C-alpha atoms as a PDB file:
ATOM      1  CA  MET A   1       9.380   5.733  14.802  1.00  0.00           C
ATOM      2  CA  LEU A   2       8.246   2.698  13.541  1.00  0.00           C
ATOM      3  CA  LEU A   3       9.701   2.621   9.729  1.00  0.00           C
ATOM      4  CA  ASN A   4      12.870   3.796  11.387  1.00  0.00           C
ATOM      5  CA  GLU A   5      13.659   1.097  13.060  1.00  0.00           C
ATOM      6  CA  ILE A   6      11.734  -1.391  10.856  1.00  0.00           C
ATOM      7  CA  PHE A   7      14.557  -0.327   7.819  1.00  0.00           C
ATOM      8  CA  ASP A   8      17.342  -0.251  10.679  1.00  0.00           C
ATOM      9  CA  SER A   9      17.491  -3.412  12.015  1.00  0.00           C
ATOM     10  CA  LYS A  10      19.337  -5.499   9.898  1.00  0.00           C
ATOM     11  CA  PHE A  11      20.773  -8.909  11.642  1.00  0.00           C
ATOM     12  CA  PRO A  12      23.275 -11.443  10.312  1.00  0.00           C
ATOM     13  CA  THR A  13      20.729 -14.189   8.739  1.00  0.00           C
ATOM     14  CA  THR A  14      22.182 -17.347   7.312  1.00  0.00           C
ATOM     15  CA  TRP A  15      20.356 -18.909   4.880  1.00  0.00           C
ATOM     16  CA  LYS A  16      19.506 -22.731   3.125  1.00  0.00           C
ATOM     17  CA  THR A  17      17.866 -24.520   0.715  1.00  0.00           C
ATOM     18  CA  THR A  18      14.500 -26.241   1.348  1.00  0.00           C
ATOM     19  CA  LEU A  19      12.494 -29.017  -0.409  1.00  0.00           C
ATOM     20  CA  ASN A  20      10.760 -25.633  -1.261  1.00  0.00           C
ATOM     21  CA  GLY A  21      12.830 -22.716  -1.665  1.00  0.00           C
ATOM     22  CA  PHE A  22      14.794 -20.967   0.907  1.00  0.00           C
ATOM     23  CA  LYS A  23      15.072 -20.568   5.113  1.00  0.00           C
ATOM     24  CA  GLY A  24      16.862 -17.655   6.287  1.00  0.00           C
ATOM     25  CA  THR A  25      17.663 -17.512  10.508  1.00  0.00           C
ATOM     26  CA  PHE A  26      18.687 -15.298  12.606  1.00  0.00           C
ATOM     27  CA  SER A  27      18.248 -14.017  16.128  1.00  0.00           C
ATOM     28  CA  VAL A  28      17.476 -11.123  17.921  1.00  0.00           C
ATOM     29  CA  ASP A  29      18.427 -10.849  21.756  1.00  0.00           C
ATOM     30  CA  GLU A  30      16.923 -14.349  23.300  1.00  0.00           C
ATOM     31  CA  ASP A  31      14.542 -15.488  20.301  1.00  0.00           C
ATOM     32  CA  VAL A  32      15.387 -16.995  17.133  1.00  0.00           C
ATOM     33  CA  PHE A  33      13.637 -16.438  13.788  1.00  0.00           C
ATOM     34  CA  GLN A  34      13.586 -18.169  10.153  1.00  0.00           C
ATOM     35  CA  VAL A  35      12.314 -16.530   7.259  1.00  0.00           C
ATOM     36  CA  TYR A  36      11.260 -19.206   4.998  1.00  0.00           C
ATOM     37  CA  LEU A  37      10.389 -18.165   0.967  1.00  0.00           C
ATOM     38  CA  ASP A  38       9.133 -20.955  -0.326  1.00  0.00           C
ATOM     39  CA  GLU A  39       8.868 -21.267  -4.562  1.00  0.00           C
ATOM     40  CA  TYR A  40       5.998 -22.333  -6.090  1.00  0.00           C
ATOM     41  CA  ASP A  41       4.927 -22.365 -10.230  1.00  0.00           C
ATOM     42  CA  LEU A  42       1.674 -20.500 -10.349  1.00  0.00           C
ATOM     43  CA  LYS A  43      -0.312 -20.604 -14.231  1.00  0.00           C
ATOM     44  CA  ILE A  44      -2.302 -17.591 -14.873  1.00  0.00           C
ATOM     45  CA  ASP A  45      -4.226 -17.127 -18.183  1.00  0.00           C
ATOM     46  CA  GLY A  46      -1.856 -20.291 -19.469  1.00  0.00           C
ATOM     47  CA  LYS A  47       0.942 -18.648 -18.591  1.00  0.00           C
ATOM     48  CA  VAL A  48       3.556 -19.587 -15.824  1.00  0.00           C
ATOM     49  CA  TYR A  49       4.625 -17.248 -13.349  1.00  0.00           C
ATOM     50  CA  SER A  50       6.629 -17.757 -10.491  1.00  0.00           C
ATOM     51  CA  LEU A  51       5.121 -17.195  -6.876  1.00  0.00           C
ATOM     52  CA  ILE A  52       7.301 -16.981  -3.285  1.00  0.00           C
ATOM     53  CA  ASP A  53       4.961 -17.900   0.102  1.00  0.00           C
ATOM     54  CA  PHE A  54       6.607 -15.806   2.385  1.00  0.00           C
ATOM     55  CA  GLY A  55       6.555 -16.921   6.232  1.00  0.00           C
ATOM     56  CA  PHE A  56       8.277 -16.650   9.510  1.00  0.00           C
ATOM     57  CA  THR A  57       8.641 -18.537  12.451  1.00  0.00           C
ATOM     58  CA  LYS A  58       9.773 -17.051  16.390  1.00  0.00           C
ATOM     59  CA  ASN A  59      10.777 -19.886  18.280  1.00  0.00           C
ATOM     60  CA  ASP A  60       9.901 -22.346  16.032  1.00  0.00           C
ATOM     61  CA  SER A  61       6.414 -21.090  16.824  1.00  0.00           C
ATOM     62  CA  TRP A  62       4.043 -20.110  13.830  1.00  0.00           C
ATOM     63  CA  LYS A  63       1.608 -18.668  16.061  1.00  0.00           C
ATOM     64  CA  LEU A  64       2.232 -15.349  17.308  1.00  0.00           C
ATOM     65  CA  GLN A  65       1.127 -13.269  20.792  1.00  0.00           C
ATOM     66  CA  PRO A  66      -1.699 -11.098  20.424  1.00  0.00           C
ATOM     67  CA  GLU A  67       0.382  -7.817  21.024  1.00  0.00           C
ATOM     68  CA  GLY A  68       2.222  -9.225  18.247  1.00  0.00           C
ATOM     69  CA  ILE A  69       6.184  -8.810  18.123  1.00  0.00           C
ATOM     70  CA  PRO A  70       8.954  -5.796  18.388  1.00  0.00           C
ATOM     71  CA  PHE A  71       9.253  -3.677  15.785  1.00  0.00           C
ATOM     72  CA  LYS A  72      12.774  -4.517  16.000  1.00  0.00           C
ATOM     73  CA  SER A  73      11.929  -7.855  15.137  1.00  0.00           C
ATOM     74  CA  LEU A  74       9.560  -7.209  12.304  1.00  0.00           C
ATOM     75  CA  GLY A  75      12.476  -5.395  10.918  1.00  0.00           C
ATOM     76  CA  GLY A  76      14.859  -8.326  11.174  1.00  0.00           C
ATOM     77  CA  VAL A  77      12.252 -10.410   9.167  1.00  0.00           C
ATOM     78  CA  PHE A  78      11.945  -8.100   6.567  1.00  0.00           C
ATOM     79  CA  ASN A  79      15.547  -6.830   6.236  1.00  0.00           C
ATOM     80  CA  ALA A  80      16.464 -11.017   6.181  1.00  0.00           C
ATOM     81  CA  ALA A  81      13.691 -11.195   3.524  1.00  0.00           C
ATOM     82  CA  ILE A  82      14.135  -8.094   0.975  1.00  0.00           C
ATOM     83  CA  PRO A  83      17.593  -9.159  -0.463  1.00  0.00           C
ATOM     84  CA  LYS A  84      16.743 -13.054  -1.298  1.00  0.00           C
ATOM     85  CA  ILE A  85      13.294 -11.609  -2.716  1.00  0.00           C
ATOM     86  CA  ASN A  86      15.360  -8.842  -5.134  1.00  0.00           C
ATOM     87  CA  MET A  87      17.696 -12.077  -6.209  1.00  0.00           C
ATOM     88  CA  LEU A  88      14.750 -14.404  -6.621  1.00  0.00           C
ATOM     89  CA  LYS A  89      12.822 -12.158  -8.746  1.00  0.00           C
ATOM     90  CA  PRO A  90       9.341 -13.861  -8.346  1.00  0.00           C
ATOM     91  CA  ASP A  91       6.071 -12.113 -10.301  1.00  0.00           C
ATOM     92  CA  PHE A  92       3.980 -12.577  -6.614  1.00  0.00           C
ATOM     93  CA  VAL A  93       4.783 -12.716  -3.171  1.00  0.00           C
ATOM     94  CA  LEU A  94       2.425 -14.710  -1.363  1.00  0.00           C
ATOM     95  CA  PHE A  95       1.486 -13.617   2.629  1.00  0.00           C
ATOM     96  CA  GLY A  96      -0.629 -15.876   4.583  1.00  0.00           C
ATOM     97  CA  ALA A  97      -1.478 -16.463   8.002  1.00  0.00           C
ATOM     98  CA  GLN A  98      -2.807 -19.952   8.610  1.00  0.00           C
ATOM     99  CA  ASN A  99      -6.024 -20.180  10.672  1.00  0.00           C
ATOM    100  CA  ARG A 100      -5.264 -23.438  12.198  1.00  0.00           C
ATOM    101  CA  ASN A 101      -2.356 -21.204  13.879  1.00  0.00           C
ATOM    102  CA  GLY A 102      -4.761 -19.629  16.288  1.00  0.00           C
ATOM    103  CA  ASP A 103      -6.016 -16.006  15.816  1.00  0.00           C
ATOM    104  CA  VAL A 104      -4.239 -14.285  12.967  1.00  0.00           C
ATOM    105  CA  THR A 105      -4.762 -10.258  13.351  1.00  0.00           C
ATOM    106  CA  SER A 106      -1.000 -10.033  14.385  1.00  0.00           C
ATOM    107  CA  ARG A 107       0.551 -12.000  11.410  1.00  0.00           C
ATOM    108  CA  VAL A 108      -2.349 -10.044   9.470  1.00  0.00           C
ATOM    109  CA  LYS A 109      -0.810  -6.832  11.105  1.00  0.00           C
ATOM    110  CA  ALA A 110       2.976  -7.632  10.478  1.00  0.00           C
ATOM    111  CA  TYR A 111       2.114  -9.053   6.887  1.00  0.00           C
ATOM    112  CA  GLN A 112       0.352  -5.870   6.063  1.00  0.00           C
ATOM    113  CA  THR A 113       3.120  -3.575   7.033  1.00  0.00           C
ATOM    114  CA  PHE A 114       5.612  -5.960   4.850  1.00  0.00           C
ATOM    115  CA  ALA A 115       3.024  -6.366   1.369  1.00  0.00           C
ATOM    116  CA  ARG A 116       3.300  -2.660   2.054  1.00  0.00           C
ATOM    117  CA  LEU A 117       7.296  -1.624   2.447  1.00  0.00           C
ATOM    118  CA  LEU A 118       7.690  -4.340  -0.583  1.00  0.00           C
ATOM    119  CA  ALA A 119       5.113  -2.425  -2.626  1.00  0.00           C
ATOM    120  CA  LYS A 120       6.854   0.937  -1.705  1.00  0.00           C
ATOM    121  CA  GLY A 121       9.931   1.225  -4.556  1.00  0.00           C
ATOM    122  CA  SER A 122      10.352  -1.943  -6.087  1.00  0.00           C
ATOM    123  CA  SER A 123       8.709  -3.535  -9.726  1.00  0.00           C
ATOM    124  CA  TYR A 124       5.893  -4.894  -7.185  1.00  0.00           C
ATOM    125  CA  HIS A 125       3.248  -2.432  -8.488  1.00  0.00           C
ATOM    126  CA  TYR A 126      -0.204  -4.460  -7.204  1.00  0.00           C
ATOM    127  CA  GLU A 127      -0.964  -4.627  -3.777  1.00  0.00           C
ATOM    128  CA  SER A 128      -4.316  -7.052  -3.915  1.00  0.00           C
ATOM    129  CA  ASP A 129      -6.879  -6.764  -1.011  1.00  0.00           C
ATOM    130  CA  TRP A 130      -6.841  -9.631   1.763  1.00  0.00           C
ATOM    131  CA  PHE A 131      -8.877 -12.787   0.813  1.00  0.00           C
ATOM    132  CA  ASN A 132      -9.981 -15.611   3.056  1.00  0.00           C
ATOM    133  CA  THR A 133      -9.716 -19.280   1.715  1.00  0.00           C
ATOM    134  CA  LYS A 134     -10.551 -22.875   3.466  1.00  0.00           C
ATOM    135  CA  ASN A 135      -7.109 -22.355   5.169  1.00  0.00           C
ATOM    136  CA  GLY A 136      -6.654 -18.960   6.199  1.00  0.00           C
ATOM    137  CA  THR A 137      -6.095 -15.344   5.268  1.00  0.00           C
ATOM    138  CA  TYR A 138      -3.943 -14.062   2.612  1.00  0.00           C
ATOM    139  CA  LYS A 139      -2.849 -11.038   0.015  1.00  0.00           C
ATOM    140  CA  TYR A 140      -0.158 -10.574  -2.354  1.00  0.00           C
ATOM    141  CA  VAL A 141       1.810  -7.984  -4.214  1.00  0.00           C
ATOM    142  CA  GLY A 142       2.813  -8.890  -7.793  1.00  0.00           C
ATOM    143  CA  LYS A 143       4.871  -7.127 -10.941  1.00  0.00           C
ATOM    144  CA  PHE A 144       1.418  -6.612 -12.394  1.00  0.00           C
ATOM    145  CA  LYS A 145      -2.708  -7.010 -11.566  1.00  0.00           C
ATOM    146  CA  PRO A 146      -4.068 -10.675 -12.679  1.00  0.00           C
ATOM    147  CA  THR A 147      -6.926 -11.290 -14.508  1.00  0.00           C
ATOM    148  CA  GLU A 148     -10.185 -12.202 -12.455  1.00  0.00           C
ATOM    149  CA  GLN A 149      -9.299 -15.506 -13.212  1.00  0.00           C
ATOM    150  CA  GLY A 150      -5.923 -14.999 -12.433  1.00  0.00           C
ATOM    151  CA  MET A 151      -6.606 -13.798  -8.669  1.00  0.00           C
ATOM    152  CA  LYS A 152      -8.926 -17.250  -8.127  1.00  0.00           C
ATOM    153  CA  ASP A 153      -5.769 -19.179  -9.489  1.00  0.00           C
ATOM    154  CA  ILE A 154      -3.712 -17.754  -6.591  1.00  0.00           C
ATOM    155  CA  ALA A 155      -6.360 -18.596  -4.199  1.00  0.00           C
ATOM    156  CA  SER A 156      -5.923 -21.845  -5.552  1.00  0.00           C
ATOM    157  CA  THR A 157      -2.457 -21.753  -4.780  1.00  0.00           C
ATOM    158  CA  ALA A 158      -2.312 -20.245  -1.585  1.00  0.00           C
ATOM    159  CA  ASP A 159      -5.009 -23.120  -0.065  1.00  0.00           C
ATOM    160  CA  ALA A 160      -2.997 -25.871  -1.871  1.00  0.00           C
ATOM    161  CA  VAL A 161       0.718 -24.414   0.151  1.00  0.00           C
ATOM    162  CA  PRO A 162       1.185 -27.042   2.486  1.00  0.00           C
ATOM    163  CA  PHE A 163       0.866 -26.385   6.241  1.00  0.00           C
ATOM    164  CA  LYS A 164       4.547 -26.317   7.981  1.00  0.00           C
ATOM    165  CA  ASP A 165       4.742 -27.282  11.488  1.00  0.00           C
END
């Protein structure tokens, strides 16, 4: 079953500090995955909140195959990220598929699953719809639903996230 395979897939992960946050690395079979959790300050209605931009690579590539990746590997990514996200306690977690990496369909599907699983049984009670910016397709989960201006601020922050190579 899909959820069992995701929840049961846990691999030893090595975390390192990066310029903007953290990078966790683990292996599944012949593939090496890197999970990125970049931290940003997000100003909404005059108050500063924390936002994590979530992303992952497979074998140093941001491009996913059209058929996606196995659930076991997705589970490894999810289970590597969750404890770190829980430790950091951000107000928002941003999921984005950047257009320059080609077809975003597989990544959007993976992030849709991650967002829903993260929102279930956690302090993230709000899940946004997908929205497009000049850089790509995004959604976020948050501890609260931001105001209309706050949603625009999150979209601006998403547009400002630098590309990773």
